[in-house]
Each structure stands twice: as structure tokens, then as C-alpha cells.
PDB file of N, CA and C in Angstrom:
ATOM      1  N   MET A   1      23.556  12.363 -10.364  1.00  0.00           N
ATOM      2  CA  MET A   1      23.097  12.574  -9.002  1.00  0.00           C
ATOM      3  C   MET A   1      21.592  12.310  -8.890  1.00  0.00           C
ATOM      4  N   LYS A   2      20.803  12.913  -9.814  1.00  0.00           N
ATOM      5  CA  LYS A   2      19.355  12.712  -9.774  1.00  0.00           C
ATOM      6  C   LYS A   2      18.992  11.243  -9.953  1.00  0.00           C
ATOM      7  N   ARG A   3      19.723  10.587 -10.842  1.00  0.00           N
ATOM      8  CA  ARG A   3      19.445   9.173 -11.119  1.00  0.00           C
ATOM      9  C   ARG A   3      19.714   8.310  -9.888  1.00  0.00           C
ATOM     10  N   THR A   4      20.759   8.626  -9.151  1.00  0.00           N
ATOM     11  CA  THR A   4      21.102   7.873  -7.945  1.00  0.00           C
ATOM     12  C   THR A   4      20.012   8.028  -6.887  1.00  0.00           C
ATOM     13  N   ILE A   5      19.532   9.244  -6.726  1.00  0.00           N
ATOM     14  CA  ILE A   5      18.461   9.494  -5.753  1.00  0.00           C
ATOM     15  C   ILE A   5      17.200   8.746  -6.163  1.00  0.00           C
ATOM     16  N   SER A   6      16.873   8.765  -7.442  1.00  0.00           N
ATOM     17  CA  SER A   6      15.686   8.059  -7.936  1.00  0.00           C
ATOM     18  C   SER A   6      15.785   6.561  -7.690  1.00  0.00           C
ATOM     19  N   ILE A   7      16.954   6.001  -7.950  1.00  0.00           N
ATOM     20  CA  ILE A   7      17.145   4.567  -7.744  1.00  0.00           C
ATOM     21  C   ILE A   7      17.049   4.214  -6.260  1.00  0.00           C
ATOM     22  N   CYS A   8      17.620   5.053  -5.404  1.00  0.00           N
ATOM     23  CA  CYS A   8      17.542   4.812  -3.954  1.00  0.00           C
ATOM     24  C   CYS A   8      16.102   4.879  -3.463  1.00  0.00           C
ATOM     25  N   LEU A   9      15.346   5.857  -3.925  1.00  0.00           N
ATOM     26  CA  LEU A   9      13.942   5.974  -3.515  1.00  0.00           C
ATOM     27  C   LEU A   9      13.112   4.799  -4.024  1.00  0.00           C
ATOM     28  N   LEU A  10      13.381   4.360  -5.231  1.00  0.00           N
ATOM     29  CA  LEU A  10      12.685   3.210  -5.786  1.00  0.00           C
ATOM     30  C   LEU A  10      12.987   1.951  -4.977  1.00  0.00           C
ATOM     31  N   ALA A  11      14.241   1.757  -4.614  1.00  0.00           N
ATOM     32  CA  ALA A  11      14.631   0.593  -3.814  1.00  0.00           C
ATOM     33  C   ALA A  11      13.995   0.647  -2.430  1.00  0.00           C
ATOM     34  N   ALA A  12      13.961   1.821  -1.822  1.00  0.00           N
ATOM     35  CA  ALA A  12      13.338   1.964  -0.499  1.00  0.00           C
ATOM     36  C   ALA A  12      11.843   1.671  -0.574  1.00  0.00           C
ATOM     37  N   GLY A  13      11.180   2.176  -1.613  1.00  0.00           N
ATOM     38  CA  GLY A  13       9.753   1.912  -1.783  1.00  0.00           C
ATOM     39  C   GLY A  13       9.465   0.441  -1.985  1.00  0.00           C
ATOM     40  N   ALA A  14      10.285  -0.217  -2.799  1.00  0.00           N
ATOM     41  CA  ALA A  14      10.107  -1.652  -3.031  1.00  0.00           C
ATOM     42  C   ALA A  14      10.320  -2.448  -1.742  1.00  0.00           C
ATOM     43  N   ALA A  15      11.297  -2.043  -0.951  1.00  0.00           N
ATOM     44  CA  ALA A  15      11.556  -2.726   0.323  1.00  0.00           C
ATOM     45  C   ALA A  15      10.374  -2.560   1.275  1.00  0.00           C
ATOM     46  N   LEU A  16       9.811  -1.365   1.351  1.00  0.00           N
ATOM     47  CA  LEU A  16       8.673  -1.132   2.234  1.00  0.00           C
ATOM     48  C   LEU A  16       7.439  -1.909   1.778  1.00  0.00           C
ATOM     49  N   VAL A  17       7.219  -1.996   0.481  1.00  0.00           N
ATOM     50  CA  VAL A  17       6.105  -2.787  -0.050  1.00  0.00           C
ATOM     51  C   VAL A  17       6.294  -4.256   0.307  1.00  0.00           C
ATOM     52  N   ALA A  18       7.513  -4.751   0.167  1.00  0.00           N
ATOM     53  CA  ALA A  18       7.796  -6.153   0.492  1.00  0.00           C
ATOM     54  C   ALA A  18       7.575  -6.432   1.980  1.00  0.00           C
ATOM     55  N   ILE A  19       7.985  -5.522   2.830  1.00  0.00           N
ATOM     56  CA  ILE A  19       7.780  -5.691   4.268  1.00  0.00           C
ATOM     57  C   ILE A  19       6.291  -5.707   4.594  1.00  0.00           C
ATOM     58  N   GLY A  20       5.543  -4.789   4.001  1.00  0.00           N
ATOM     59  CA  GLY A  20       4.100  -4.745   4.244  1.00  0.00           C
ATOM     60  C   GLY A  20       3.401  -6.003   3.777  1.00  0.00           C
ATOM     61  N   CYS A  21       3.798  -6.514   2.623  1.00  0.00           N
ATOM     62  CA  CYS A  21       3.191  -7.745   2.101  1.00  0.00           C
ATOM     63  C   CYS A  21       3.511  -8.938   2.983  1.00  0.00           C
ATOM     64  N   SER A  22       4.712  -8.967   3.539  1.00  0.00           N
ATOM     65  CA  SER A  22       5.089 -10.093   4.395  1.00  0.00           C
ATOM     66  C   SER A  22       4.321 -10.084   5.711  1.00  0.00           C
ATOM     67  N   LYS A  23       3.817  -8.924   6.108  1.00  0.00           N
ATOM     68  CA  LYS A  23       3.050  -8.816   7.359  1.00  0.00           C
ATOM     69  C   LYS A  23       1.546  -8.971   7.149  1.00  0.00           C
ATOM     70  N   GLY A  24       1.119  -9.186   5.909  1.00  0.00           N
ATOM     71  CA  GLY A  24      -0.296  -9.389   5.630  1.00  0.00           C
ATOM     72  C   GLY A  24      -1.102  -8.111   5.522  1.00  0.00           C
ATOM     73  N   GLN A  25      -0.469  -7.013   5.235  1.00  0.00           N
ATOM     74  CA  GLN A  25      -1.158  -5.733   5.163  1.00  0.00           C
ATOM     75  C   GLN A  25      -2.131  -5.593   3.995  1.00  0.00           C
ATOM     76  N   PRO A  26      -1.868  -6.203   2.832  1.00  0.00           N
ATOM     77  CA  PRO A  26      -2.811  -6.011   1.720  1.00  0.00           C
ATOM     78  C   PRO A  26      -4.236  -6.454   2.058  1.00  0.00           C
ATOM     79  N   ALA A  27      -4.380  -7.543   2.796  1.00  0.00           N
ATOM     80  CA  ALA A  27      -5.722  -8.011   3.166  1.00  0.00           C
ATOM     81  C   ALA A  27      -6.409  -7.012   4.083  1.00  0.00           C
ATOM     82  N   SER A  28      -5.658  -6.448   5.000  1.00  0.00           N
ATOM     83  CA  SER A  28      -6.215  -5.457   5.924  1.00  0.00           C
ATOM     84  C   SER A  28      -6.660  -4.202   5.177  1.00  0.00           C
ATOM     85  N   VAL A  29      -5.834  -3.727   4.262  1.00  0.00           N
ATOM     86  CA  VAL A  29      -6.166  -2.528   3.492  1.00  0.00           C
ATOM     87  C   VAL A  29      -7.381  -2.779   2.609  1.00  0.00           C
ATOM     88  N   LEU A  30      -7.452  -3.947   1.994  1.00  0.00           N
ATOM     89  CA  LEU A  30      -8.598  -4.281   1.146  1.00  0.00           C
ATOM     90  C   LEU A  30      -9.885  -4.324   1.960  1.00  0.00           C
ATOM     91  N   ALA A  31      -9.842  -4.913   3.137  1.00  0.00           N
ATOM     92  CA  ALA A  31     -11.037  -4.985   3.980  1.00  0.00           C
ATOM     93  C   ALA A  31     -11.513  -3.587   4.366  1.00  0.00           C
ATOM     94  N   LYS A  32     -10.591  -2.708   4.709  1.00  0.00           N
ATOM     95  CA  LYS A  32     -10.966  -1.338   5.064  1.00  0.00           C
ATOM     96  C   LYS A  32     -11.522  -0.583   3.857  1.00  0.00           C
ATOM     97  N   ALA A  33     -10.935  -0.812   2.689  1.00  0.00           N
ATOM     98  CA  ALA A  33     -11.404  -0.138   1.471  1.00  0.00           C
ATOM     99  C   ALA A  33     -12.814  -0.582   1.113  1.00  0.00           C
ATOM    100  N   VAL A  34     -13.100  -1.868   1.255  1.00  0.00           N
ATOM    101  CA  VAL A  34     -14.435  -2.381   0.967  1.00  0.00           C
ATOM    102  C   VAL A  34     -15.450  -1.754   1.916  1.00  0.00           C
ATOM    103  N   THR A  35     -15.093  -1.661   3.186  1.00  0.00           N
ATOM    104  CA  THR A  35     -15.991  -1.056   4.168  1.00  0.00           C
ATOM    105  C   THR A  35     -16.296   0.392   3.816  1.00  0.00           C
ATOM    106  N   VAL A  36     -15.269   1.152   3.474  1.00  0.00           N
ATOM    107  CA  VAL A  36     -15.456   2.561   3.123  1.00  0.00           C
ATOM    108  C   VAL A  36     -16.325   2.689   1.876  1.00  0.00           C
ATOM    109  N   CYS A  37     -16.077   1.871   0.872  1.00  0.00           N
ATOM    110  CA  CYS A  37     -16.870   1.942  -0.365  1.00  0.00           C
ATOM    111  C   CYS A  37     -18.333   1.604  -0.109  1.00  0.00           C
ATOM    112  N   LEU A  38     -18.573   0.588   0.703  1.00  0.00           N
ATOM    113  CA  LEU A  38     -19.949   0.212   0.988  1.00  0.00           C
ATOM    114  C   LEU A  38     -20.655   1.307   1.781  1.00  0.00           C
ATOM    115  N   GLU A  39     -19.939   1.979   2.674  1.00  0.00           N
ATOM    116  CA  GLU A  39     -20.547   3.083   3.419  1.00  0.00           C
ATOM    117  C   GLU A  39     -20.849   4.258   2.501  1.00  0.00           C
ATOM    118  N   CYS A  40     -19.995   4.490   1.522  1.00  0.00           N
ATOM    119  CA  CYS A  40     -20.195   5.629   0.613  1.00  0.00           C
ATOM    120  C   CYS A  40     -21.448   5.448  -0.248  1.00  0.00           C
ATOM    121  N   ILE A  41     -21.735   4.230  -0.652  1.00  0.00           N
ATOM    122  CA  ILE A  41     -22.907   4.033  -1.500  1.00  0.00           C
ATOM    123  C   ILE A  41     -24.146   3.692  -0.679  1.00  0.00           C
ATOM    124  N   GLY A  42     -23.996   3.657   0.644  1.00  0.00           N
ATOM    125  CA  GLY A  42     -25.143   3.496   1.509  1.00  0.00           C
ATOM    126  C   GLY A  42     -25.555   2.078   1.820  1.00  0.00           C
ATOM    127  N   ILE A  43     -24.729   1.104   1.550  1.00  0.00           N
ATOM    128  CA  ILE A  43     -25.083  -0.287   1.844  1.00  0.00           C
ATOM    129  C   ILE A  43     -24.566  -0.700   3.209  1.00  0.00           C
ATOM    130  N   GLY A  44     -23.347  -0.251   3.561  1.00  0.00           N
ATOM    131  CA  GLY A  44     -22.680  -0.738   4.769  1.00  0.00           C
ATOM    132  C   GLY A  44     -23.065  -0.051   6.003  1.00  0.00           C
TER     133      GLY A  44
END
């Protein structure tokens, strides 16, 4: 039972990652992360 739930959650997570990648989300997240990091060290 536990193994089935784990496999289902893993498959759902992989599907959501694939959907996000197909929509171009990694570039958006990276741009926001760079902005936050630059603000934290006082450059941005």
C-alpha cells in the first residue's frame, strides 16, 4: 500500500514538472531567483 502511494506521488510530481517545463517556467523562476539574490547582497 505504501509503495503504491509513493509511486503515485512520484508520477504526479514528474507530470507537474513536465507541464511546468513545457510552459517555460524554469526561465521565469531563475530570473526571479537571480533578482532576489542580487537584492540580498545589495547589488540589485
